[in-house]
Amino acid sequence: MAAIIKIDRSVIPACDVTVDRYEDIIRETAEMPQIGAYKISAELALSQGLPKLVEIAREYTDKPLIYDHQKACTDIPDTGKGFVKVVKDSGIDALILFPLTGPATQTTWIRAAKDINLAVIVGGHMTHERYLQSDGGYIDDRAVDKIFSTSADLGIANFVVPGNKPEVITHLRQLVIQYNVEPIFYAPGFIAQGGNISSAASVAGPKWHAIVGRAIYEAKDIQRTAESLVSQL
């Protein structure tokens, strides 16, 4: 699938905020070339509705809007077609999927999104502790590799990776490349969660985007903070 963001590296504000703060973020950063897109949270979407949020954003920018349902693609395969259609019809440009319930759902949902030209970003690893079994969590460590390899085999090039875990980014990049896919990484986990943008940049390859939440939306000066962050790319 084609690149969602036109430039190779950017910062993506994660809009886990009220609708007023969402509008503030977009208004203050829309003219910055290295702000590549905006990520809309499930909480914001549920409180306002995706069509309204798209309408607000389009008053300031035509940059891509990415919806993160936190976590979509964890239901049965049959629900995928209707879900992706609702997201596409709202005006959203890309959808984040975490196919933790297996390859049947993963394959069906990805194909349903492709059928309607809705861009897909796939994730399988997360930034917080006690996620994988090796760290005391529920998810089999091997499942992450399977999620990424299956996605690459389906033609997916856009992936979410944990920005505060450079060693994981390195491993997953090497894995995806084996499928003749040049990955485009989207990485949360910076600043508040301990990740360093420059460290992630050194291992993510030529195309990647830093997803930054609290450091931007809690800032007193959104624009100046965003400018400081993009300088680290």
Protein backbone atom coordinates (compact mmCIF):
# COMPACT_ATOMS: atom_id res chain seq x y z
CA MET A 1 0.00 0.00 0.00
CA ALA A 2 1.20 3.53 -0.71
CA ALA A 3 2.74 5.80 1.88
CA ILE A 4 0.15 7.63 3.98
CA ILE A 5 2.37 10.63 4.70
CA LYS A 6 4.14 12.36 1.82
CA ILE A 7 7.39 13.07 3.66
CA ASP A 8 9.75 10.38 4.97
CA ARG A 9 9.94 11.55 8.58
CA SER A 10 7.53 13.54 10.70
CA VAL A 11 5.93 14.05 14.09
CA ILE A 12 2.32 12.98 14.55
CA PRO A 13 0.43 14.55 17.46
CA ALA A 14 -1.61 11.94 19.34
CA CYS A 15 -4.90 13.64 20.09
CA ASP A 16 -5.96 11.90 23.30
CA VAL A 17 -7.70 15.08 24.37
CA THR A 18 -10.91 17.08 24.56
CA VAL A 19 -12.36 18.41 21.34
CA ASP A 20 -11.27 21.95 22.18
CA ARG A 21 -7.67 20.87 22.77
CA TYR A 22 -7.81 18.81 19.57
CA GLU A 23 -8.68 21.95 17.63
CA ASP A 24 -5.92 23.88 19.42
CA ILE A 25 -3.33 21.27 18.42
CA ILE A 26 -4.34 21.29 14.78
CA ARG A 27 -4.60 25.07 14.57
CA GLU A 28 -1.16 25.56 16.15
CA THR A 29 0.68 22.94 14.06
CA ALA A 30 -1.15 22.68 10.71
CA GLU A 31 1.35 24.91 8.88
CA MET A 32 4.42 23.05 10.12
CA PRO A 33 5.83 20.92 7.25
CA GLN A 34 7.17 18.16 9.52
CA ILE A 35 3.89 17.59 11.31
CA GLY A 36 2.86 14.68 9.12
CA ALA A 37 -0.59 13.68 10.35
CA TYR A 38 -2.87 13.62 13.39
CA LYS A 39 -3.82 10.51 15.37
CA ILE A 40 -7.35 10.51 16.79
CA SER A 41 -7.99 8.44 19.90
CA ALA A 42 -10.96 6.19 20.56
CA GLU A 43 -12.00 8.30 23.55
CA LEU A 44 -12.14 11.47 21.46
CA ALA A 45 -13.94 9.67 18.64
CA LEU A 46 -16.54 8.14 20.96
CA SER A 47 -17.26 11.47 22.61
CA GLN A 48 -17.59 13.52 19.41
CA GLY A 49 -17.97 11.18 16.42
CA LEU A 50 -15.43 10.81 13.62
CA PRO A 51 -17.31 12.94 11.05
CA LYS A 52 -17.27 15.95 13.37
CA LEU A 53 -13.56 15.52 14.11
CA VAL A 54 -12.77 15.28 10.41
CA GLU A 55 -14.79 18.43 9.78
CA ILE A 56 -12.86 20.34 12.44
CA ALA A 57 -9.50 19.23 11.08
CA ARG A 58 -10.39 20.12 7.50
CA GLU A 59 -10.93 23.74 8.52
CA TYR A 60 -7.15 23.97 9.01
CA THR A 61 -5.39 21.20 7.09
CA ASP A 62 -5.57 18.42 4.53
CA LYS A 63 -2.96 16.34 6.35
CA PRO A 64 -3.86 12.69 6.94
CA LEU A 65 -6.08 11.77 9.86
CA ILE A 66 -5.31 8.43 11.48
CA TYR A 67 -7.90 6.70 13.65
CA ASP A 68 -6.67 4.55 16.53
CA HIS A 69 -9.61 2.55 17.88
CA GLN A 70 -7.42 1.04 20.64
CA LYS A 71 -7.46 -1.79 19.61
CA ALA A 72 -9.31 -2.48 16.35
CA CYS A 73 -9.14 -5.88 14.62
CA THR A 74 -9.72 -7.95 17.76
CA ASP A 75 -13.24 -9.15 16.91
CA ILE A 76 -14.40 -11.93 14.59
CA PRO A 77 -13.55 -11.70 10.88
CA ASP A 78 -17.11 -10.89 9.78
CA THR A 79 -17.24 -7.54 11.58
CA GLY A 80 -14.36 -6.08 9.60
CA LYS A 81 -16.19 -5.03 6.47
CA GLY A 82 -18.74 -2.89 8.31
CA PHE A 83 -16.18 -1.39 10.68
CA VAL A 84 -13.75 -0.21 8.01
CA LYS A 85 -16.62 1.20 5.92
CA VAL A 86 -17.81 3.38 8.81
CA VAL A 87 -14.26 4.68 9.30
CA LYS A 88 -13.77 5.34 5.57
CA ASP A 89 -17.16 7.06 5.19
CA SER A 90 -16.30 9.45 8.02
CA GLY A 91 -13.40 10.88 6.02
CA ILE A 92 -10.58 9.26 7.98
CA ASP A 93 -7.47 8.52 5.89
CA ALA A 94 -5.90 5.61 7.78
CA LEU A 95 -6.81 3.07 10.46
CA ILE A 96 -4.56 1.42 13.03
CA LEU A 97 -5.16 -2.32 13.48
CA PHE A 98 -3.86 -4.61 16.22
CA PRO A 99 -4.88 -8.10 15.04
CA LEU A 100 -4.38 -9.86 18.36
CA THR A 101 -7.15 -12.43 17.78
CA GLY A 102 -5.38 -14.25 14.98
CA PRO A 103 -4.71 -14.41 11.25
CA ALA A 104 -8.31 -15.04 10.17
CA THR A 105 -9.47 -11.69 11.53
CA GLN A 106 -6.24 -10.02 10.46
CA THR A 107 -6.50 -11.14 6.85
CA THR A 108 -10.21 -10.39 6.49
CA TRP A 109 -10.01 -6.91 8.02
CA ILE A 110 -6.94 -5.89 6.01
CA ARG A 111 -8.51 -7.06 2.77
CA ALA A 112 -11.76 -5.26 3.61
CA ALA A 113 -9.86 -2.02 4.16
CA LYS A 114 -7.92 -2.47 0.92
CA ASP A 115 -11.15 -3.04 -1.00
CA ILE A 116 -12.32 0.48 -0.11
CA ASN A 117 -8.89 2.16 -0.29
CA LEU A 118 -8.62 2.80 3.43
CA ALA A 119 -4.97 2.86 4.43
CA VAL A 120 -3.95 0.43 7.18
CA ILE A 121 -1.23 0.66 9.83
CA VAL A 122 -0.63 -2.60 11.71
CA GLY A 123 0.77 -3.01 15.20
CA GLY A 124 1.45 -5.95 17.48
CA HIS A 125 3.85 -4.71 20.15
CA MET A 126 3.16 -2.02 22.74
CA THR A 127 5.13 0.47 24.83
CA HIS A 128 4.03 -0.48 28.33
CA GLU A 129 5.40 -3.11 30.68
CA ARG A 130 3.97 -6.61 31.20
CA TYR A 131 2.64 -6.92 27.66
CA LEU A 132 4.60 -9.92 26.34
CA GLN A 133 4.78 -13.23 28.21
CA SER A 134 8.53 -12.82 28.63
CA ASP A 135 7.79 -9.65 30.62
CA GLY A 136 4.92 -11.09 32.66
CA GLY A 137 2.16 -10.32 30.17
CA TYR A 138 -0.38 -12.37 28.23
CA ILE A 139 0.84 -12.07 24.64
CA ASP A 140 3.14 -14.78 23.28
CA ASP A 141 6.39 -13.14 22.17
CA ARG A 142 6.25 -15.09 18.90
CA ALA A 143 2.82 -13.65 18.07
CA VAL A 144 4.29 -10.23 17.31
CA ASP A 145 6.54 -11.65 14.61
CA LYS A 146 3.59 -13.53 13.12
CA ILE A 147 1.45 -10.39 13.05
CA PHE A 148 4.16 -8.45 11.23
CA SER A 149 5.11 -11.21 8.80
CA THR A 150 1.48 -11.94 7.90
CA SER A 151 0.84 -8.24 7.33
CA ALA A 152 3.93 -7.89 5.14
CA ASP A 153 2.81 -10.92 3.17
CA LEU A 154 -0.53 -9.13 2.59
CA GLY A 155 1.30 -6.10 1.22
CA ILE A 156 1.24 -3.90 4.31
CA ALA A 157 4.20 -1.53 4.66
CA ASN A 158 2.94 0.76 7.46
CA PHE A 159 3.53 -0.52 10.99
CA VAL A 160 3.24 0.72 14.59
CA VAL A 161 6.29 -0.05 16.73
CA PRO A 162 7.16 0.92 20.34
CA GLY A 163 9.35 4.02 20.15
CA ASN A 164 10.78 3.43 23.62
CA LYS A 165 12.17 0.02 22.60
CA PRO A 166 14.81 0.54 19.87
CA GLU A 167 15.86 -3.11 20.01
CA VAL A 168 12.30 -4.15 19.07
CA ILE A 169 12.25 -1.68 16.17
CA THR A 170 15.54 -3.11 14.90
CA HIS A 171 14.24 -6.69 15.06
CA LEU A 172 10.91 -5.94 13.38
CA ARG A 173 12.55 -3.93 10.61
CA GLN A 174 14.84 -6.87 9.81
CA LEU A 175 11.86 -9.22 9.86
CA VAL A 176 9.68 -7.19 7.48
CA ILE A 177 12.51 -6.60 5.02
CA GLN A 178 12.69 -10.36 4.49
CA TYR A 179 9.29 -10.06 2.78
CA ASN A 180 10.64 -7.51 0.29
CA VAL A 181 8.79 -4.74 2.09
CA GLU A 182 10.50 -1.47 3.00
CA PRO A 183 8.69 -0.66 6.25
CA ILE A 184 7.30 2.72 7.23
CA PHE A 185 7.23 2.85 11.01
CA TYR A 186 4.92 4.83 13.29
CA ALA A 187 6.29 4.95 16.81
CA PRO A 188 4.62 6.09 20.06
CA GLY A 189 6.27 5.95 23.47
CA PHE A 190 8.35 9.12 23.52
CA ILE A 191 9.08 11.65 26.27
CA ALA A 192 6.42 10.71 28.87
CA GLN A 193 7.00 6.97 28.28
CA GLY A 194 10.77 7.26 28.22
CA GLY A 195 11.52 6.98 24.53
CA ASN A 196 14.03 9.21 22.75
CA ILE A 197 13.19 10.36 19.23
CA SER A 198 16.82 10.50 18.09
CA SER A 199 17.50 6.97 19.40
CA ALA A 200 14.53 5.57 17.51
CA ALA A 201 15.55 7.49 14.39
CA SER A 202 18.91 5.75 14.37
CA VAL A 203 17.35 2.29 13.94
CA ALA A 204 13.98 2.84 12.25
CA GLY A 205 15.27 3.25 8.71
CA PRO A 206 14.65 6.07 6.25
CA LYS A 207 10.87 6.27 6.67
CA TRP A 208 9.32 6.67 10.10
CA HIS A 209 7.04 8.93 12.09
CA ALA A 210 7.13 9.78 15.80
CA ILE A 211 3.73 9.71 17.50
CA VAL A 212 3.83 12.14 20.43
CA GLY A 213 1.00 12.64 22.88
CA ARG A 214 1.41 14.24 26.30
CA ALA A 215 4.55 16.20 25.45
CA ILE A 216 2.49 18.14 22.90
CA TYR A 217 -1.04 18.24 24.26
CA GLU A 218 0.05 19.15 27.80
CA ALA A 219 2.46 21.84 26.60
CA LYS A 220 1.85 25.48 27.45
CA ASP A 221 3.19 26.42 24.01
CA ILE A 222 2.11 23.74 21.54
CA GLN A 223 3.81 25.25 18.53
CA ARG A 224 7.19 25.75 20.19
CA THR A 225 7.12 22.25 21.66
CA ALA A 226 6.28 20.73 18.28
CA GLU A 227 9.11 22.67 16.66
CA SER A 228 11.53 21.29 19.24
CA LEU A 229 10.34 17.74 18.62
CA VAL A 230 10.62 17.86 14.83
CA SER A 231 14.19 19.12 15.19
CA GLN A 232 15.08 15.70 16.65
CA LEU A 233 14.03 13.77 13.56
